[in-house]
Each structure stands twice: as C-alpha cells, then as structure tokens.
Amino acid sequence: MTAKRKHTPRELSGGQQQRVAIARALLFSPEIILADEPIGNLDSKSGTEIMKLFKTINKEFGKTIIQVTHSHESANFGNSILQLKDGEIDKQILSA
C-alpha cells in the first residue's frame, strides 16, 4: 500500500480501501473493532483476504472484532457466532 499512499480513495480498489480502513481502525490500538458488512462490496477473493486479515489481527494482536454480516461464509471466520432473529439472540455457535 506504500506505493498507493498519494492516491485518492477513488483511485484504490475496494479491497485496498478496506485495508486502509482497517489500518486506520488499528491506529490507536483499540481493544474492539466494529465491522458492519466489511466485505459486502468486495469480490470473493478480496473478501477472503480481508477476513483472513481480521483473523490474523484477532490472533496476533488480541483484538476483538465484532462483525455484523448476512454472509455465512464471512461469519465462519469468527470464533463465536450469534444469530439474531427479530432483534433477539436465536442461536450461539462457538468455534474451536
């Protein structure tokens, strides 16, 4: 991304914009990162890269990432999944 540092956001791909947003979110070392449909506008390859990046951030830096998504594939990257129905927790799934 260093080579793109002087580009405007519209000159970056969707995946590059997402990575910049994640870097900005990590700048002040928050304990929790909130992600609302973080890969909703990305192609599948870029989306998988972002989800792998979230997994790395969680494991290596101990950051909690709370993701809201409609994507089962994206949700499966999480350690704990809460499914909501009519505004209430319907099911909780814990990963190994």
PDB file of N, CA and C in Angstrom:
ATOM      1  N   MET A   1       0.819  -1.196   0.000  1.00  0.00           N
ATOM      2  CA  MET A   1       0.000   0.000   0.000  1.00  0.00           C
ATOM      3  C   MET A   1       0.865   1.263   0.000  1.00  0.00           C
ATOM      4  N   THR A   2       2.137   1.130   0.360  1.00  0.00           N
ATOM      5  CA  THR A   2       3.015   2.301   0.376  1.00  0.00           C
ATOM      6  C   THR A   2       3.050   2.981  -0.988  1.00  0.00           C
ATOM      7  N   ALA A   3       3.072   2.199  -2.045  1.00  0.00           N
ATOM      8  CA  ALA A   3       3.123   2.764  -3.396  1.00  0.00           C
ATOM      9  C   ALA A   3       1.853   3.546  -3.739  1.00  0.00           C
ATOM     10  N   LYS A   4       0.779   3.306  -3.015  1.00  0.00           N
ATOM     11  CA  LYS A   4      -0.506   3.965  -3.289  1.00  0.00           C
ATOM     12  C   LYS A   4      -0.790   5.123  -2.328  1.00  0.00           C
ATOM     13  N   ARG A   5       0.162   5.481  -1.491  1.00  0.00           N
ATOM     14  CA  ARG A   5      -0.095   6.453  -0.418  1.00  0.00           C
ATOM     15  C   ARG A   5      -0.542   7.830  -0.897  1.00  0.00           C
ATOM     16  N   LYS A   6      -0.222   8.210  -2.117  1.00  0.00           N
ATOM     17  CA  LYS A   6      -0.612   9.536  -2.620  1.00  0.00           C
ATOM     18  C   LYS A   6      -1.870   9.489  -3.482  1.00  0.00           C
ATOM     19  N   HIS A   7      -2.477   8.294  -3.594  1.00  0.00           N
ATOM     20  CA  HIS A   7      -3.703   8.158  -4.381  1.00  0.00           C
ATOM     21  C   HIS A   7      -4.913   8.578  -3.557  1.00  0.00           C
ATOM     22  N   THR A   8      -5.938   9.061  -4.239  1.00  0.00           N
ATOM     23  CA  THR A   8      -7.189   9.366  -3.559  1.00  0.00           C
ATOM     24  C   THR A   8      -7.965   8.055  -3.382  1.00  0.00           C
ATOM     25  N   PRO A   9      -8.923   8.012  -2.458  1.00  0.00           N
ATOM     26  CA  PRO A   9      -9.683   6.773  -2.236  1.00  0.00           C
ATOM     27  C   PRO A   9     -10.312   6.202  -3.506  1.00  0.00           C
ATOM     28  N   ARG A  10     -10.825   7.051  -4.385  1.00  0.00           N
ATOM     29  CA  ARG A  10     -11.484   6.518  -5.583  1.00  0.00           C
ATOM     30  C   ARG A  10     -10.494   5.906  -6.565  1.00  0.00           C
ATOM     31  N   GLU A  11      -9.200   6.139  -6.367  1.00  0.00           N
ATOM     32  CA  GLU A  11      -8.177   5.530  -7.218  1.00  0.00           C
ATOM     33  C   GLU A  11      -7.734   4.160  -6.695  1.00  0.00           C
ATOM     34  N   LEU A  12      -8.284   3.743  -5.568  1.00  0.00           N
ATOM     35  CA  LEU A  12      -7.951   2.446  -4.975  1.00  0.00           C
ATOM     36  C   LEU A  12      -9.060   1.439  -5.246  1.00  0.00           C
ATOM     37  N   SER A  13      -8.703   0.164  -5.270  1.00  0.00           N
ATOM     38  CA  SER A  13      -9.715  -0.881  -5.419  1.00  0.00           C
ATOM     39  C   SER A  13     -10.503  -0.995  -4.116  1.00  0.00           C
ATOM     40  N   GLY A  14     -11.623  -1.703  -4.164  1.00  0.00           N
ATOM     41  CA  GLY A  14     -12.431  -1.905  -2.953  1.00  0.00           C
ATOM     42  C   GLY A  14     -11.641  -2.594  -1.851  1.00  0.00           C
ATOM     43  N   GLY A  15     -10.860  -3.605  -2.218  1.00  0.00           N
ATOM     44  CA  GLY A  15     -10.035  -4.312  -1.229  1.00  0.00           C
ATOM     45  C   GLY A  15      -8.983  -3.408  -0.618  1.00  0.00           C
ATOM     46  N   GLN A  16      -8.371  -2.565  -1.446  1.00  0.00           N
ATOM     47  CA  GLN A  16      -7.371  -1.621  -0.935  1.00  0.00           C
ATOM     48  C   GLN A  16      -8.019  -0.611   0.003  1.00  0.00           C
ATOM     49  N   GLN A  17      -9.207  -0.134  -0.345  1.00  0.00           N
ATOM     50  CA  GLN A  17      -9.920   0.798   0.535  1.00  0.00           C
ATOM     51  C   GLN A  17     -10.239   0.135   1.879  1.00  0.00           C
ATOM     52  N   GLN A  18     -10.640  -1.127   1.846  1.00  0.00           N
ATOM     53  CA  GLN A  18     -10.951  -1.838   3.088  1.00  0.00           C
ATOM     54  C   GLN A  18      -9.701  -1.986   3.949  1.00  0.00           C
ATOM     55  N   ARG A  19      -8.557  -2.327   3.328  1.00  0.00           N
ATOM     56  CA  ARG A  19      -7.316  -2.480   4.090  1.00  0.00           C
ATOM     57  C   ARG A  19      -6.891  -1.153   4.724  1.00  0.00           C
ATOM     58  N   VAL A  20      -7.082  -0.060   4.003  1.00  0.00           N
ATOM     59  CA  VAL A  20      -6.775   1.262   4.559  1.00  0.00           C
ATOM     60  C   VAL A  20      -7.696   1.548   5.748  1.00  0.00           C
ATOM     61  N   ALA A  21      -8.978   1.215   5.610  1.00  0.00           N
ATOM     62  CA  ALA A  21      -9.926   1.438   6.707  1.00  0.00           C
ATOM     63  C   ALA A  21      -9.540   0.612   7.937  1.00  0.00           C
ATOM     64  N   ILE A  22      -9.092  -0.606   7.724  1.00  0.00           N
ATOM     65  CA  ILE A  22      -8.661  -1.458   8.838  1.00  0.00           C
ATOM     66  C   ILE A  22      -7.415  -0.869   9.495  1.00  0.00           C
ATOM     67  N   ALA A  23      -6.466  -0.414   8.684  1.00  0.00           N
ATOM     68  CA  ALA A  23      -5.252   0.209   9.229  1.00  0.00           C
ATOM     69  C   ALA A  23      -5.607   1.440  10.061  1.00  0.00           C
ATOM     70  N   ARG A  24      -6.538   2.243   9.560  1.00  0.00           N
ATOM     71  CA  ARG A  24      -6.964   3.431  10.312  1.00  0.00           C
ATOM     72  C   ARG A  24      -7.639   3.028  11.622  1.00  0.00           C
ATOM     73  N   ALA A  25      -8.421   1.959  11.582  1.00  0.00           N
ATOM     74  CA  ALA A  25      -9.097   1.491  12.796  1.00  0.00           C
ATOM     75  C   ALA A  25      -8.086   1.014  13.840  1.00  0.00           C
ATOM     76  N   LEU A  26      -6.956   0.458  13.396  1.00  0.00           N
ATOM     77  CA  LEU A  26      -5.944  -0.055  14.315  1.00  0.00           C
ATOM     78  C   LEU A  26      -4.987   1.019  14.828  1.00  0.00           C
ATOM     79  N   LEU A  27      -5.013   2.185  14.215  1.00  0.00           N
ATOM     80  CA  LEU A  27      -4.060   3.242  14.503  1.00  0.00           C
ATOM     81  C   LEU A  27      -3.922   3.553  15.997  1.00  0.00           C
ATOM     82  N   PHE A  28      -5.031   3.619  16.698  1.00  0.00           N
ATOM     83  CA  PHE A  28      -4.989   3.970  18.119  1.00  0.00           C
ATOM     84  C   PHE A  28      -5.111   2.747  19.024  1.00  0.00           C
ATOM     85  N   SER A  29      -4.855   1.564  18.466  1.00  0.00           N
ATOM     86  CA  SER A  29      -4.832   0.308  19.199  1.00  0.00           C
ATOM     87  C   SER A  29      -6.092   0.069  20.035  1.00  0.00           C
ATOM     88  N   PRO A  30      -7.258   0.058  19.394  1.00  0.00           N
ATOM     89  CA  PRO A  30      -8.488  -0.187  20.153  1.00  0.00           C
ATOM     90  C   PRO A  30      -8.564  -1.646  20.603  1.00  0.00           C
ATOM     91  N   GLU A  31      -9.281  -1.904  21.647  1.00  0.00           N
ATOM     92  CA  GLU A  31      -9.480  -3.280  22.114  1.00  0.00           C
ATOM     93  C   GLU A  31     -10.537  -3.984  21.263  1.00  0.00           C
ATOM     94  N   ILE A  32     -11.505  -3.215  20.759  1.00  0.00           N
ATOM     95  CA  ILE A  32     -12.604  -3.768  19.984  1.00  0.00           C
ATOM     96  C   ILE A  32     -12.710  -3.026  18.654  1.00  0.00           C
ATOM     97  N   ILE A  33     -12.898  -3.788  17.584  1.00  0.00           N
ATOM     98  CA  ILE A  33     -13.129  -3.208  16.262  1.00  0.00           C
ATOM     99  C   ILE A  33     -14.525  -3.618  15.827  1.00  0.00           C
ATOM    100  N   LEU A  34     -15.354  -2.651  15.453  1.00  0.00           N
ATOM    101  CA  LEU A  34     -16.705  -2.930  14.962  1.00  0.00           C
ATOM    102  C   LEU A  34     -16.694  -2.889  13.442  1.00  0.00           C
ATOM    103  N   ALA A  35     -17.185  -3.966  12.828  1.00  0.00           N
ATOM    104  CA  ALA A  35     -17.164  -4.066  11.369  1.00  0.00           C
ATOM    105  C   ALA A  35     -18.569  -4.394  10.869  1.00  0.00           C
ATOM    106  N   ASP A  36     -19.180  -3.461  10.160  1.00  0.00           N
ATOM    107  CA  ASP A  36     -20.538  -3.640   9.629  1.00  0.00           C
ATOM    108  C   ASP A  36     -20.443  -4.038   8.160  1.00  0.00           C
ATOM    109  N   GLU A  37     -20.747  -5.282   7.847  1.00  0.00           N
ATOM    110  CA  GLU A  37     -20.666  -5.829   6.484  1.00  0.00           C
ATOM    111  C   GLU A  37     -19.325  -5.448   5.839  1.00  0.00           C
ATOM    112  N   PRO A  38     -18.209  -5.844   6.461  1.00  0.00           N
ATOM    113  CA  PRO A  38     -16.903  -5.387   5.993  1.00  0.00           C
ATOM    114  C   PRO A  38     -16.520  -5.840   4.591  1.00  0.00           C
ATOM    115  N   ILE A  39     -17.144  -6.905   4.078  1.00  0.00           N
ATOM    116  CA  ILE A  39     -16.776  -7.362   2.738  1.00  0.00           C
ATOM    117  C   ILE A  39     -17.971  -7.334   1.788  1.00  0.00           C
ATOM    118  N   GLY A  40     -19.017  -6.636   2.174  1.00  0.00           N
ATOM    119  CA  GLY A  40     -20.245  -6.605   1.398  1.00  0.00           C
ATOM    120  C   GLY A  40     -20.098  -6.119  -0.031  1.00  0.00           C
ATOM    121  N   ASN A  41     -19.153  -5.232  -0.294  1.00  0.00           N
ATOM    122  CA  ASN A  41     -18.995  -4.670  -1.643  1.00  0.00           C
ATOM    123  C   ASN A  41     -17.744  -5.165  -2.349  1.00  0.00           C
ATOM    124  N   LEU A  42     -17.181  -6.274  -1.850  1.00  0.00           N
ATOM    125  CA  LEU A  42     -15.938  -6.776  -2.421  1.00  0.00           C
ATOM    126  C   LEU A  42     -16.170  -8.059  -3.212  1.00  0.00           C
ATOM    127  N   ASP A  43     -15.263  -8.329  -4.162  1.00  0.00           N
ATOM    128  CA  ASP A  43     -15.306  -9.612  -4.857  1.00  0.00           C
ATOM    129  C   ASP A  43     -14.871 -10.699  -3.863  1.00  0.00           C
ATOM    130  N   SER A  44     -15.122 -11.954  -4.188  1.00  0.00           N
ATOM    131  CA  SER A  44     -14.885 -13.038  -3.233  1.00  0.00           C
ATOM    132  C   SER A  44     -13.415 -13.162  -2.832  1.00  0.00           C
ATOM    133  N   LYS A  45     -12.492 -12.960  -3.768  1.00  0.00           N
ATOM    134  CA  LYS A  45     -11.064 -13.071  -3.440  1.00  0.00           C
ATOM    135  C   LYS A  45     -10.655 -11.986  -2.440  1.00  0.00           C
ATOM    136  N   SER A  46     -11.042 -10.744  -2.693  1.00  0.00           N
ATOM    137  CA  SER A  46     -10.710  -9.644  -1.783  1.00  0.00           C
ATOM    138  C   SER A  46     -11.389  -9.846  -0.434  1.00  0.00           C
ATOM    139  N   GLY A  47     -12.639 -10.329  -0.466  1.00  0.00           N
ATOM    140  CA  GLY A  47     -13.361 -10.577   0.777  1.00  0.00           C
ATOM    141  C   GLY A  47     -12.662 -11.607   1.640  1.00  0.00           C
ATOM    142  N   THR A  48     -12.202 -12.683   1.025  1.00  0.00           N
ATOM    143  CA  THR A  48     -11.477 -13.720   1.770  1.00  0.00           C
ATOM    144  C   THR A  48     -10.187 -13.158   2.347  1.00  0.00           C
ATOM    145  N   GLU A  49      -9.475 -12.326   1.588  1.00  0.00           N
ATOM    146  CA  GLU A  49      -8.243 -11.703   2.085  1.00  0.00           C
ATOM    147  C   GLU A  49      -8.525 -10.837   3.313  1.00  0.00           C
ATOM    148  N   ILE A  50      -9.611 -10.067   3.273  1.00  0.00           N
ATOM    149  CA  ILE A  50      -9.967  -9.206   4.408  1.00  0.00           C
ATOM    150  C   ILE A  50     -10.321 -10.060   5.624  1.00  0.00           C
ATOM    151  N   MET A  51     -11.067 -11.142   5.421  1.00  0.00           N
ATOM    152  CA  MET A  51     -11.449 -11.990   6.546  1.00  0.00           C
ATOM    153  C   MET A  51     -10.226 -12.691   7.146  1.00  0.00           C
ATOM    154  N   LYS A  52      -9.277 -13.088   6.320  1.00  0.00           N
ATOM    155  CA  LYS A  52      -8.031 -13.672   6.822  1.00  0.00           C
ATOM    156  C   LYS A  52      -7.237 -12.629   7.604  1.00  0.00           C
ATOM    157  N   LEU A  53      -7.261 -11.384   7.124  1.00  0.00           N
ATOM    158  CA  LEU A  53      -6.585 -10.293   7.833  1.00  0.00           C
ATOM    159  C   LEU A  53      -7.229 -10.086   9.207  1.00  0.00           C
ATOM    160  N   PHE A  54      -8.555 -10.096   9.275  1.00  0.00           N
ATOM    161  CA  PHE A  54      -9.240  -9.984  10.569  1.00  0.00           C
ATOM    162  C   PHE A  54      -8.823 -11.119  11.506  1.00  0.00           C
ATOM    163  N   LYS A  55      -8.746 -12.329  10.991  1.00  0.00           N
ATOM    164  CA  LYS A  55      -8.361 -13.494  11.796  1.00  0.00           C
ATOM    165  C   LYS A  55      -6.952 -13.289  12.361  1.00  0.00           C
ATOM    166  N   THR A  56      -6.041 -12.778  11.525  1.00  0.00           N
ATOM    167  CA  THR A  56      -4.671 -12.514  11.963  1.00  0.00           C
ATOM    168  C   THR A  56      -4.638 -11.426  13.035  1.00  0.00           C
ATOM    169  N   ILE A  57      -5.379 -10.363  12.816  1.00  0.00           N
ATOM    170  CA  ILE A  57      -5.435  -9.261  13.790  1.00  0.00           C
ATOM    171  C   ILE A  57      -5.955  -9.788  15.131  1.00  0.00           C
ATOM    172  N   ASN A  58      -6.962 -10.630  15.085  1.00  0.00           N
ATOM    173  CA  ASN A  58      -7.529 -11.209  16.302  1.00  0.00           C
ATOM    174  C   ASN A  58      -6.509 -12.077  17.026  1.00  0.00           C
ATOM    175  N   LYS A  59      -5.846 -12.963  16.311  1.00  0.00           N
ATOM    176  CA  LYS A  59      -4.909 -13.904  16.938  1.00  0.00           C
ATOM    177  C   LYS A  59      -3.604 -13.246  17.372  1.00  0.00           C
ATOM    178  N   GLU A  60      -3.000 -12.459  16.490  1.00  0.00           N
ATOM    179  CA  GLU A  60      -1.671 -11.921  16.774  1.00  0.00           C
ATOM    180  C   GLU A  60      -1.683 -10.680  17.659  1.00  0.00           C
ATOM    181  N   PHE A  61      -2.738  -9.888  17.578  1.00  0.00           N
ATOM    182  CA  PHE A  61      -2.790  -8.649  18.352  1.00  0.00           C
ATOM    183  C   PHE A  61      -3.831  -8.692  19.462  1.00  0.00           C
ATOM    184  N   GLY A  62      -4.565  -9.802  19.558  1.00  0.00           N
ATOM    185  CA  GLY A  62      -5.549  -9.958  20.631  1.00  0.00           C
ATOM    186  C   GLY A  62      -6.705  -8.984  20.564  1.00  0.00           C
ATOM    187  N   LYS A  63      -7.047  -8.534  19.370  1.00  0.00           N
ATOM    188  CA  LYS A  63      -8.149  -7.577  19.210  1.00  0.00           C
ATOM    189  C   LYS A  63      -9.465  -8.324  19.027  1.00  0.00           C
ATOM    190  N   THR A  64     -10.485  -7.839  19.674  1.00  0.00           N
ATOM    191  CA  THR A  64     -11.829  -8.375  19.490  1.00  0.00           C
ATOM    192  C   THR A  64     -12.443  -7.676  18.285  1.00  0.00           C
ATOM    193  N   ILE A  65     -12.962  -8.475  17.368  1.00  0.00           N
ATOM    194  CA  ILE A  65     -13.614  -7.918  16.179  1.00  0.00           C
ATOM    195  C   ILE A  65     -15.061  -8.369  16.187  1.00  0.00           C
ATOM    196  N   ILE A  66     -15.957  -7.409  16.252  1.00  0.00           N
ATOM    197  CA  ILE A  66     -17.388  -7.692  16.206  1.00  0.00           C
ATOM    198  C   ILE A  66     -17.854  -7.342  14.800  1.00  0.00           C
ATOM    199  N   GLN A  67     -18.315  -8.364  14.094  1.00  0.00           N
ATOM    200  CA  GLN A  67     -18.716  -8.198  12.706  1.00  0.00           C
ATOM    201  C   GLN A  67     -20.218  -8.440  12.569  1.00  0.00           C
ATOM    202  N   VAL A  68     -20.874  -7.561  11.876  1.00  0.00           N
ATOM    203  CA  VAL A  68     -22.281  -7.754  11.537  1.00  0.00           C
ATOM    204  C   VAL A  68     -22.313  -8.132  10.066  1.00  0.00           C
ATOM    205  N   THR A  69     -22.940  -9.267   9.749  1.00  0.00           N
ATOM    206  CA  THR A  69     -22.947  -9.716   8.364  1.00  0.00           C
ATOM    207  C   THR A  69     -24.147 -10.607   8.081  1.00  0.00           C
ATOM    208  N   HIS A  70     -24.516 -10.681   6.818  1.00  0.00           N
ATOM    209  CA  HIS A  70     -25.520 -11.628   6.359  1.00  0.00           C
ATOM    210  C   HIS A  70     -24.848 -12.833   5.711  1.00  0.00           C
ATOM    211  N   SER A  71     -23.529 -12.765   5.557  1.00  0.00           N
ATOM    212  CA  SER A  71     -22.766 -13.799   4.872  1.00  0.00           C
ATOM    213  C   SER A  71     -22.349 -14.912   5.835  1.00  0.00           C
ATOM    214  N   HIS A  72     -22.832 -16.122   5.567  1.00  0.00           N
ATOM    215  CA  HIS A  72     -22.438 -17.269   6.403  1.00  0.00           C
ATOM    216  C   HIS A  72     -20.945 -17.551   6.241  1.00  0.00           C
ATOM    217  N   GLU A  73     -20.438 -17.406   5.010  1.00  0.00           N
ATOM    218  CA  GLU A  73     -19.015 -17.641   4.754  1.00  0.00           C
ATOM    219  C   GLU A  73     -18.153 -16.685   5.576  1.00  0.00           C
ATOM    220  N   SER A  74     -18.531 -15.432   5.599  1.00  0.00           N
ATOM    221  CA  SER A  74     -17.807 -14.427   6.368  1.00  0.00           C
ATOM    222  C   SER A  74     -17.922 -14.710   7.865  1.00  0.00           C
ATOM    223  N   ALA A  75     -19.105 -15.057   8.316  1.00  0.00           N
ATOM    224  CA  ALA A  75     -19.321 -15.345   9.742  1.00  0.00           C
ATOM    225  C   ALA A  75     -18.482 -16.517  10.209  1.00  0.00           C
ATOM    226  N   ASN A  76     -18.249 -17.488   9.339  1.00  0.00           N
ATOM    227  CA  ASN A  76     -17.498 -18.680   9.721  1.00  0.00           C
ATOM    228  C   ASN A  76     -16.034 -18.406  10.039  1.00  0.00           C
ATOM    229  N   PHE A  77     -15.543 -17.212   9.750  1.00  0.00           N
ATOM    230  CA  PHE A  77     -14.184 -16.847  10.144  1.00  0.00           C
ATOM    231  C   PHE A  77     -14.126 -16.501  11.636  1.00  0.00           C
ATOM    232  N   GLY A  78     -15.274 -16.289  12.257  1.00  0.00           N
ATOM    233  CA  GLY A  78     -15.319 -15.879  13.656  1.00  0.00           C
ATOM    234  C   GLY A  78     -15.130 -17.011  14.628  1.00  0.00           C
ATOM    235  N   ASN A  79     -14.855 -16.646  15.885  1.00  0.00           N
ATOM    236  CA  ASN A  79     -14.709 -17.614  16.971  1.00  0.00           C
ATOM    237  C   ASN A  79     -16.044 -17.907  17.630  1.00  0.00           C
ATOM    238  N   SER A  80     -16.939 -16.956  17.559  1.00  0.00           N
ATOM    239  CA  SER A  80     -18.257 -17.083  18.168  1.00  0.00           C
ATOM    240  C   SER A  80     -19.261 -16.398  17.247  1.00  0.00           C
ATOM    241  N   ILE A  81     -20.358 -17.075  16.984  1.00  0.00           N
ATOM    242  CA  ILE A  81     -21.372 -16.524  16.096  1.00  0.00           C
ATOM    243  C   ILE A  81     -22.680 -16.414  16.873  1.00  0.00           C
ATOM    244  N   LEU A  82     -23.244 -15.229  16.866  1.00  0.00           N
ATOM    245  CA  LEU A  82     -24.568 -15.021  17.449  1.00  0.00           C
ATOM    246  C   LEU A  82     -25.530 -14.765  16.302  1.00  0.00           C
ATOM    247  N   GLN A  83     -26.535 -15.597  16.185  1.00  0.00           N
ATOM    248  CA  GLN A  83     -27.546 -15.374  15.158  1.00  0.00           C
ATOM    249  C   GLN A  83     -28.729 -14.676  15.807  1.00  0.00           C
ATOM    250  N   LEU A  84     -29.155 -13.588  15.185  1.00  0.00           N
ATOM    251  CA  LEU A  84     -30.281 -12.818  15.701  1.00  0.00           C
ATOM    252  C   LEU A  84     -31.526 -13.090  14.871  1.00  0.00           C
ATOM    253  N   LYS A  85     -32.649 -13.102  15.543  1.00  0.00           N
ATOM    254  CA  LYS A  85     -33.940 -13.227  14.867  1.00  0.00           C
ATOM    255  C   LYS A  85     -34.919 -12.323  15.593  1.00  0.00           C
ATOM    256  N   ASP A  86     -35.532 -11.433  14.851  1.00  0.00           N
ATOM    257  CA  ASP A  86     -36.480 -10.472  15.421  1.00  0.00           C
ATOM    258  C   ASP A  86     -35.877  -9.697  16.590  1.00  0.00           C
ATOM    259  N   GLY A  87     -34.594  -9.324  16.447  1.00  0.00           N
ATOM    260  CA  GLY A  87     -33.928  -8.495  17.443  1.00  0.00           C
ATOM    261  C   GLY A  87     -33.457  -9.216  18.691  1.00  0.00           C
ATOM    262  N   GLU A  88     -33.552 -10.545  18.716  1.00  0.00           N
ATOM    263  CA  GLU A  88     -33.109 -11.319  19.879  1.00  0.00           C
ATOM    264  C   GLU A  88     -32.157 -12.417  19.448  1.00  0.00           C
ATOM    265  N   ILE A  89     -31.280 -12.835  20.370  1.00  0.00           N
ATOM    266  CA  ILE A  89     -30.354 -13.919  20.065  1.00  0.00           C
ATOM    267  C   ILE A  89     -31.143 -15.196  19.880  1.00  0.00           C
ATOM    268  N   ASP A  90     -31.008 -15.790  18.699  1.00  0.00           N
ATOM    269  CA  ASP A  90     -31.714 -17.008  18.348  1.00  0.00           C
ATOM    270  C   ASP A  90     -30.832 -18.239  18.581  1.00  0.00           C
ATOM    271  N   LYS A  91     -29.521 -18.095  18.301  1.00  0.00           N
ATOM    272  CA  LYS A  91     -28.602 -19.213  18.426  1.00  0.00           C
ATOM    273  C   LYS A  91     -27.202 -18.671  18.625  1.00  0.00           C
ATOM    274  N   GLN A  92     -26.384 -19.399  19.431  1.00  0.00           N
ATOM    275  CA  GLN A  92     -24.978 -19.066  19.585  1.00  0.00           C
ATOM    276  C   GLN A  92     -24.153 -20.281  19.177  1.00  0.00           C
ATOM    277  N   ILE A  93     -23.136 -20.034  18.346  1.00  0.00           N
ATOM    278  CA  ILE A  93     -22.266 -21.103  17.867  1.00  0.00           C
ATOM    279  C   ILE A  93     -20.841 -20.722  18.244  1.00  0.00           C
ATOM    280  N   LEU A  94     -20.139 -21.615  18.915  1.00  0.00           N
ATOM    281  CA  LEU A  94     -18.744 -21.377  19.287  1.00  0.00           C
ATOM    282  C   LEU A  94     -17.855 -22.246  18.418  1.00  0.00           C
ATOM    283  N   SER A  95     -16.797 -21.661  17.874  1.00  0.00           N
ATOM    284  CA  SER A  95     -15.835 -22.406  17.069  1.00  0.00           C
ATOM    285  C   SER A  95     -14.726 -22.920  17.967  1.00  0.00           C
ATOM    286  N   ALA A  96     -14.005 -23.907  17.451  1.00  0.00           N
ATOM    287  CA  ALA A  96     -12.875 -24.464  18.205  1.00  0.00           C
ATOM    288  C   ALA A  96     -11.676 -23.569  18.104  1.00  0.00           C
TER     289      ALA A  96
END
